[in-house]
Amino acid sequence: MPEFRQNTPRAQAIRAAQIKADCRTLILSVADLETQSNIAQAGILFSTATINGAARADALALAGLIEGDQERAVAWTAWRKAMQAESRRAIEDGDAPVWPDVPTGVAEFAARH
């Protein structure tokens, strides 16, 4: 029986694919693709409304947002990018990924969308 080697190109590719899949699963557990699309659409609606002169409260209402959601959207984006960066780092360094915590308010924000 051939000896199993962790550092073979095949083993590295399998490991990289698993880390990427884990990253994707964790991100999607907070906000599935439909939710992510809804969040993006809300941002577009809010921005368009404010550019066209709507009052902030009206723009928030039109977009289905509440006060503080812009900050939560920024935190969501930063967390998602940090997850992806950690995935790349773990693959490159050969370490186990250390996934960043979901920022406060992000899961609740995603659940509303």
N, C-alpha and C. Protein backbone atom coordinates (compact mmCIF):
# COMPACT_ATOMS: atom_id res chain seq x y z
N MET A 1 0.85 -1.18 0.00
CA MET A 1 0.00 0.00 0.00
C MET A 1 0.89 1.24 0.00
N PRO A 2 0.63 2.22 -0.88
CA PRO A 2 1.48 3.42 -0.93
C PRO A 2 1.34 4.26 0.34
N GLU A 3 2.42 4.89 0.67
CA GLU A 3 2.44 5.76 1.85
C GLU A 3 1.64 7.04 1.55
N PHE A 4 0.84 7.46 2.52
CA PHE A 4 0.06 8.70 2.37
C PHE A 4 0.94 9.88 2.72
N ARG A 5 0.99 10.86 1.84
CA ARG A 5 1.81 12.05 2.07
C ARG A 5 0.92 13.29 2.06
N GLN A 6 1.00 14.04 3.11
CA GLN A 6 0.18 15.25 3.26
C GLN A 6 0.56 16.34 2.28
N ASN A 7 1.81 16.39 1.86
CA ASN A 7 2.26 17.50 1.04
C ASN A 7 2.28 17.21 -0.45
N THR A 8 1.59 16.19 -0.87
CA THR A 8 1.50 15.94 -2.31
C THR A 8 0.61 17.01 -2.93
N PRO A 9 0.81 17.32 -4.19
CA PRO A 9 -0.05 18.31 -4.84
C PRO A 9 -1.53 17.94 -4.75
N ARG A 10 -1.84 16.65 -4.86
CA ARG A 10 -3.24 16.22 -4.77
C ARG A 10 -3.80 16.48 -3.37
N ALA A 11 -3.03 16.13 -2.34
CA ALA A 11 -3.48 16.36 -0.96
C ALA A 11 -3.65 17.86 -0.69
N GLN A 12 -2.74 18.67 -1.21
CA GLN A 12 -2.85 20.12 -1.02
C GLN A 12 -4.09 20.67 -1.73
N ALA A 13 -4.37 20.17 -2.92
CA ALA A 13 -5.56 20.62 -3.66
C ALA A 13 -6.84 20.23 -2.94
N ILE A 14 -6.86 19.01 -2.40
CA ILE A 14 -8.05 18.56 -1.65
C ILE A 14 -8.23 19.42 -0.41
N ARG A 15 -7.14 19.68 0.30
CA ARG A 15 -7.20 20.51 1.51
C ARG A 15 -7.67 21.92 1.17
N ALA A 16 -7.13 22.50 0.11
CA ALA A 16 -7.53 23.86 -0.30
C ALA A 16 -9.01 23.89 -0.64
N ALA A 17 -9.48 22.90 -1.37
CA ALA A 17 -10.90 22.85 -1.74
C ALA A 17 -11.78 22.74 -0.50
N GLN A 18 -11.34 21.98 0.50
CA GLN A 18 -12.13 21.82 1.72
C GLN A 18 -12.18 23.13 2.51
N ILE A 19 -11.05 23.81 2.61
CA ILE A 19 -11.02 25.09 3.33
C ILE A 19 -11.92 26.11 2.63
N LYS A 20 -11.84 26.17 1.30
CA LYS A 20 -12.71 27.09 0.55
C LYS A 20 -14.17 26.75 0.76
N ALA A 21 -14.50 25.47 0.75
CA ALA A 21 -15.89 25.04 0.96
C ALA A 21 -16.35 25.40 2.37
N ASP A 22 -15.48 25.20 3.36
CA ASP A 22 -15.83 25.56 4.74
C ASP A 22 -16.08 27.06 4.86
N CYS A 23 -15.23 27.86 4.23
CA CYS A 23 -15.38 29.32 4.25
C CYS A 23 -16.72 29.71 3.65
N ARG A 24 -17.01 29.16 2.49
CA ARG A 24 -18.28 29.46 1.81
C ARG A 24 -19.47 29.06 2.68
N THR A 25 -19.41 27.88 3.27
CA THR A 25 -20.50 27.39 4.12
C THR A 25 -20.72 28.33 5.30
N LEU A 26 -19.64 28.76 5.93
CA LEU A 26 -19.77 29.66 7.08
C LEU A 26 -20.36 31.01 6.67
N ILE A 27 -19.91 31.54 5.55
CA ILE A 27 -20.46 32.82 5.07
C ILE A 27 -21.94 32.66 4.75
N LEU A 28 -22.27 31.61 4.03
CA LEU A 28 -23.67 31.40 3.63
C LEU A 28 -24.57 31.06 4.82
N SER A 29 -23.98 30.59 5.92
CA SER A 29 -24.79 30.32 7.12
C SER A 29 -25.26 31.63 7.77
N VAL A 30 -24.54 32.70 7.50
CA VAL A 30 -24.94 34.02 8.01
C VAL A 30 -25.86 34.71 7.01
N ALA A 31 -25.51 34.65 5.74
CA ALA A 31 -26.32 35.30 4.70
C ALA A 31 -26.24 34.47 3.42
N ASP A 32 -27.34 33.82 3.08
CA ASP A 32 -27.35 33.05 1.84
C ASP A 32 -27.30 34.00 0.64
N LEU A 33 -27.21 33.44 -0.55
CA LEU A 33 -27.04 34.28 -1.74
C LEU A 33 -28.21 35.23 -1.96
N GLU A 34 -29.42 34.78 -1.68
CA GLU A 34 -30.59 35.65 -1.82
C GLU A 34 -30.51 36.82 -0.84
N THR A 35 -30.11 36.53 0.38
CA THR A 35 -29.95 37.59 1.39
C THR A 35 -28.88 38.58 0.96
N GLN A 36 -27.76 38.08 0.46
CA GLN A 36 -26.71 38.98 0.00
C GLN A 36 -27.20 39.87 -1.14
N SER A 37 -27.98 39.30 -2.03
CA SER A 37 -28.55 40.09 -3.12
C SER A 37 -29.50 41.15 -2.59
N ASN A 38 -30.32 40.78 -1.61
CA ASN A 38 -31.26 41.73 -1.01
C ASN A 38 -30.52 42.87 -0.30
N ILE A 39 -29.43 42.55 0.38
CA ILE A 39 -28.64 43.58 1.05
C ILE A 39 -28.05 44.55 0.02
N ALA A 40 -27.51 44.01 -1.06
CA ALA A 40 -26.94 44.86 -2.11
C ALA A 40 -28.02 45.75 -2.72
N GLN A 41 -29.18 45.17 -2.99
CA GLN A 41 -30.29 45.94 -3.57
C GLN A 41 -30.74 47.06 -2.63
N ALA A 42 -30.79 46.76 -1.34
CA ALA A 42 -31.17 47.78 -0.36
C ALA A 42 -30.18 48.94 -0.39
N GLY A 43 -28.90 48.62 -0.49
CA GLY A 43 -27.88 49.68 -0.56
C GLY A 43 -28.04 50.54 -1.80
N ILE A 44 -28.35 49.90 -2.92
CA ILE A 44 -28.56 50.64 -4.16
C ILE A 44 -29.79 51.54 -4.05
N LEU A 45 -30.87 51.00 -3.51
CA LEU A 45 -32.09 51.80 -3.36
C LEU A 45 -31.86 52.99 -2.44
N PHE A 46 -31.17 52.75 -1.31
CA PHE A 46 -30.90 53.84 -0.38
C PHE A 46 -30.04 54.92 -1.05
N SER A 47 -28.98 54.50 -1.70
CA SER A 47 -28.08 55.46 -2.35
C SER A 47 -28.79 56.26 -3.43
N THR A 48 -29.56 55.58 -4.25
CA THR A 48 -30.29 56.25 -5.33
C THR A 48 -31.28 57.26 -4.76
N ALA A 49 -31.98 56.86 -3.72
CA ALA A 49 -32.96 57.77 -3.11
C ALA A 49 -32.29 59.01 -2.55
N THR A 50 -31.16 58.83 -1.85
CA THR A 50 -30.49 60.00 -1.26
C THR A 50 -29.88 60.88 -2.34
N ILE A 51 -29.33 60.27 -3.39
CA ILE A 51 -28.78 61.06 -4.51
C ILE A 51 -29.87 61.90 -5.15
N ASN A 52 -31.06 61.34 -5.21
CA ASN A 52 -32.19 62.05 -5.82
C ASN A 52 -32.91 62.98 -4.85
N GLY A 53 -32.32 63.19 -3.67
CA GLY A 53 -32.83 64.20 -2.76
C GLY A 53 -33.79 63.73 -1.69
N ALA A 54 -34.01 62.44 -1.56
CA ALA A 54 -34.92 61.96 -0.51
C ALA A 54 -34.31 62.22 0.86
N ALA A 55 -35.17 62.51 1.81
CA ALA A 55 -34.72 62.64 3.20
C ALA A 55 -34.18 61.28 3.66
N ARG A 56 -33.24 61.31 4.59
CA ARG A 56 -32.62 60.07 5.07
C ARG A 56 -33.65 59.06 5.55
N ALA A 57 -34.59 59.50 6.36
CA ALA A 57 -35.61 58.59 6.90
C ALA A 57 -36.43 57.97 5.77
N ASP A 58 -36.74 58.76 4.76
CA ASP A 58 -37.51 58.24 3.62
C ASP A 58 -36.68 57.24 2.81
N ALA A 59 -35.41 57.54 2.62
CA ALA A 59 -34.53 56.64 1.87
C ALA A 59 -34.35 55.31 2.61
N LEU A 60 -34.19 55.38 3.94
CA LEU A 60 -34.09 54.16 4.73
C LEU A 60 -35.35 53.32 4.59
N ALA A 61 -36.50 53.97 4.71
CA ALA A 61 -37.78 53.26 4.61
C ALA A 61 -37.94 52.63 3.23
N LEU A 62 -37.62 53.37 2.19
CA LEU A 62 -37.73 52.86 0.82
C LEU A 62 -36.88 51.61 0.63
N ALA A 63 -35.70 51.61 1.22
CA ALA A 63 -34.76 50.51 1.06
C ALA A 63 -35.00 49.36 2.04
N GLY A 64 -35.93 49.55 2.98
CA GLY A 64 -36.17 48.52 3.98
C GLY A 64 -35.06 48.45 5.02
N LEU A 65 -34.43 49.57 5.25
CA LEU A 65 -33.33 49.65 6.20
C LEU A 65 -33.76 50.40 7.44
N ILE A 66 -32.99 50.22 8.51
CA ILE A 66 -33.20 50.99 9.73
C ILE A 66 -31.88 51.69 10.06
N GLU A 67 -31.96 52.64 10.95
CA GLU A 67 -30.77 53.37 11.37
C GLU A 67 -29.71 52.37 11.86
N GLY A 68 -28.50 52.54 11.42
CA GLY A 68 -27.40 51.65 11.80
C GLY A 68 -27.12 50.54 10.80
N ASP A 69 -28.04 50.33 9.86
CA ASP A 69 -27.84 49.25 8.89
C ASP A 69 -26.66 49.50 7.95
N GLN A 70 -26.37 50.75 7.66
CA GLN A 70 -25.21 51.01 6.80
C GLN A 70 -23.93 50.53 7.48
N GLU A 71 -23.81 50.79 8.78
CA GLU A 71 -22.65 50.33 9.53
C GLU A 71 -22.62 48.80 9.58
N ARG A 72 -23.79 48.18 9.74
CA ARG A 72 -23.85 46.72 9.76
C ARG A 72 -23.48 46.15 8.39
N ALA A 73 -23.87 46.82 7.33
CA ALA A 73 -23.50 46.36 5.98
C ALA A 73 -21.99 46.45 5.77
N VAL A 74 -21.39 47.51 6.27
CA VAL A 74 -19.93 47.65 6.18
C VAL A 74 -19.25 46.55 7.00
N ALA A 75 -19.78 46.27 8.20
CA ALA A 75 -19.22 45.20 9.04
C ALA A 75 -19.38 43.84 8.35
N TRP A 76 -20.52 43.62 7.71
CA TRP A 76 -20.76 42.38 6.97
C TRP A 76 -19.70 42.20 5.88
N THR A 77 -19.49 43.25 5.09
CA THR A 77 -18.53 43.19 3.99
C THR A 77 -17.12 42.95 4.52
N ALA A 78 -16.75 43.65 5.58
CA ALA A 78 -15.41 43.48 6.16
C ALA A 78 -15.23 42.06 6.69
N TRP A 79 -16.27 41.51 7.33
CA TRP A 79 -16.19 40.15 7.85
C TRP A 79 -16.05 39.13 6.71
N ARG A 80 -16.86 39.30 5.67
CA ARG A 80 -16.80 38.38 4.53
C ARG A 80 -15.41 38.40 3.90
N LYS A 81 -14.85 39.60 3.74
CA LYS A 81 -13.50 39.71 3.18
C LYS A 81 -12.46 39.10 4.12
N ALA A 82 -12.64 39.27 5.43
CA ALA A 82 -11.72 38.68 6.40
C ALA A 82 -11.80 37.15 6.37
N MET A 83 -12.99 36.62 6.18
CA MET A 83 -13.16 35.17 6.04
C MET A 83 -12.39 34.66 4.82
N GLN A 84 -12.55 35.35 3.71
CA GLN A 84 -11.86 34.95 2.48
C GLN A 84 -10.35 35.07 2.63
N ALA A 85 -9.90 36.12 3.29
CA ALA A 85 -8.46 36.30 3.51
C ALA A 85 -7.91 35.19 4.41
N GLU A 86 -8.67 34.81 5.43
CA GLU A 86 -8.24 33.73 6.32
C GLU A 86 -8.18 32.41 5.57
N SER A 87 -9.12 32.20 4.69
CA SER A 87 -9.11 30.99 3.86
C SER A 87 -7.83 30.93 3.03
N ARG A 88 -7.51 32.03 2.36
CA ARG A 88 -6.29 32.08 1.54
C ARG A 88 -5.04 31.90 2.40
N ARG A 89 -5.02 32.53 3.57
CA ARG A 89 -3.86 32.43 4.45
C ARG A 89 -3.65 30.99 4.91
N ALA A 90 -4.72 30.35 5.34
CA ALA A 90 -4.61 28.97 5.84
C ALA A 90 -4.14 28.03 4.73
N ILE A 91 -4.64 28.23 3.53
CA ILE A 91 -4.21 27.40 2.40
C ILE A 91 -2.73 27.62 2.12
N GLU A 92 -2.32 28.87 2.08
CA GLU A 92 -0.93 29.20 1.76
C GLU A 92 0.04 28.73 2.84
N ASP A 93 -0.34 28.94 4.11
CA ASP A 93 0.57 28.61 5.21
C ASP A 93 0.49 27.15 5.65
N GLY A 94 -0.54 26.45 5.23
CA GLY A 94 -0.71 25.06 5.64
C GLY A 94 -1.24 24.90 7.05
N ASP A 95 -1.75 25.98 7.62
CA ASP A 95 -2.31 25.96 8.97
C ASP A 95 -3.81 25.71 8.93
N ALA A 96 -4.36 25.42 10.10
CA ALA A 96 -5.81 25.35 10.23
C ALA A 96 -6.35 26.78 10.21
N PRO A 97 -7.47 27.01 9.55
CA PRO A 97 -8.03 28.36 9.54
C PRO A 97 -8.53 28.76 10.94
N VAL A 98 -8.38 30.02 11.25
CA VAL A 98 -8.93 30.60 12.48
C VAL A 98 -9.95 31.62 12.01
N TRP A 99 -11.20 31.19 11.92
CA TRP A 99 -12.24 32.03 11.34
C TRP A 99 -12.58 33.20 12.25
N PRO A 100 -12.70 34.39 11.69
CA PRO A 100 -13.09 35.55 12.51
C PRO A 100 -14.54 35.43 12.96
N ASP A 101 -14.82 35.99 14.12
CA ASP A 101 -16.19 36.00 14.64
C ASP A 101 -17.06 36.91 13.80
N VAL A 102 -18.33 36.56 13.72
CA VAL A 102 -19.31 37.42 13.04
C VAL A 102 -19.49 38.67 13.89
N PRO A 103 -19.35 39.86 13.31
CA PRO A 103 -19.51 41.08 14.09
C PRO A 103 -20.91 41.20 14.70
N THR A 104 -20.97 41.86 15.82
CA THR A 104 -22.24 42.10 16.50
C THR A 104 -23.21 42.79 15.56
N GLY A 105 -24.42 42.26 15.50
CA GLY A 105 -25.48 42.86 14.71
C GLY A 105 -25.57 42.38 13.28
N VAL A 106 -24.51 41.74 12.78
CA VAL A 106 -24.49 41.33 11.37
C VAL A 106 -25.49 40.20 11.10
N ALA A 107 -25.54 39.20 11.96
CA ALA A 107 -26.47 38.09 11.74
C ALA A 107 -27.92 38.57 11.79
N GLU A 108 -28.22 39.46 12.72
CA GLU A 108 -29.58 39.99 12.84
C GLU A 108 -29.93 40.84 11.61
N PHE A 109 -28.96 41.62 11.15
CA PHE A 109 -29.13 42.43 9.94
C PHE A 109 -29.44 41.52 8.75
N ALA A 110 -28.65 40.48 8.59
CA ALA A 110 -28.86 39.55 7.48
C ALA A 110 -30.22 38.86 7.59
N ALA A 111 -30.62 38.51 8.79
CA ALA A 111 -31.90 37.82 8.98
C ALA A 111 -33.09 38.68 8.54
N ARG A 112 -32.94 39.99 8.61
CA ARG A 112 -34.02 40.89 8.19
C ARG A 112 -34.09 41.04 6.67
N HIS A 113 -33.11 40.52 5.97
CA HIS A 113 -33.08 40.68 4.51
C HIS A 113 -33.18 39.35 3.82
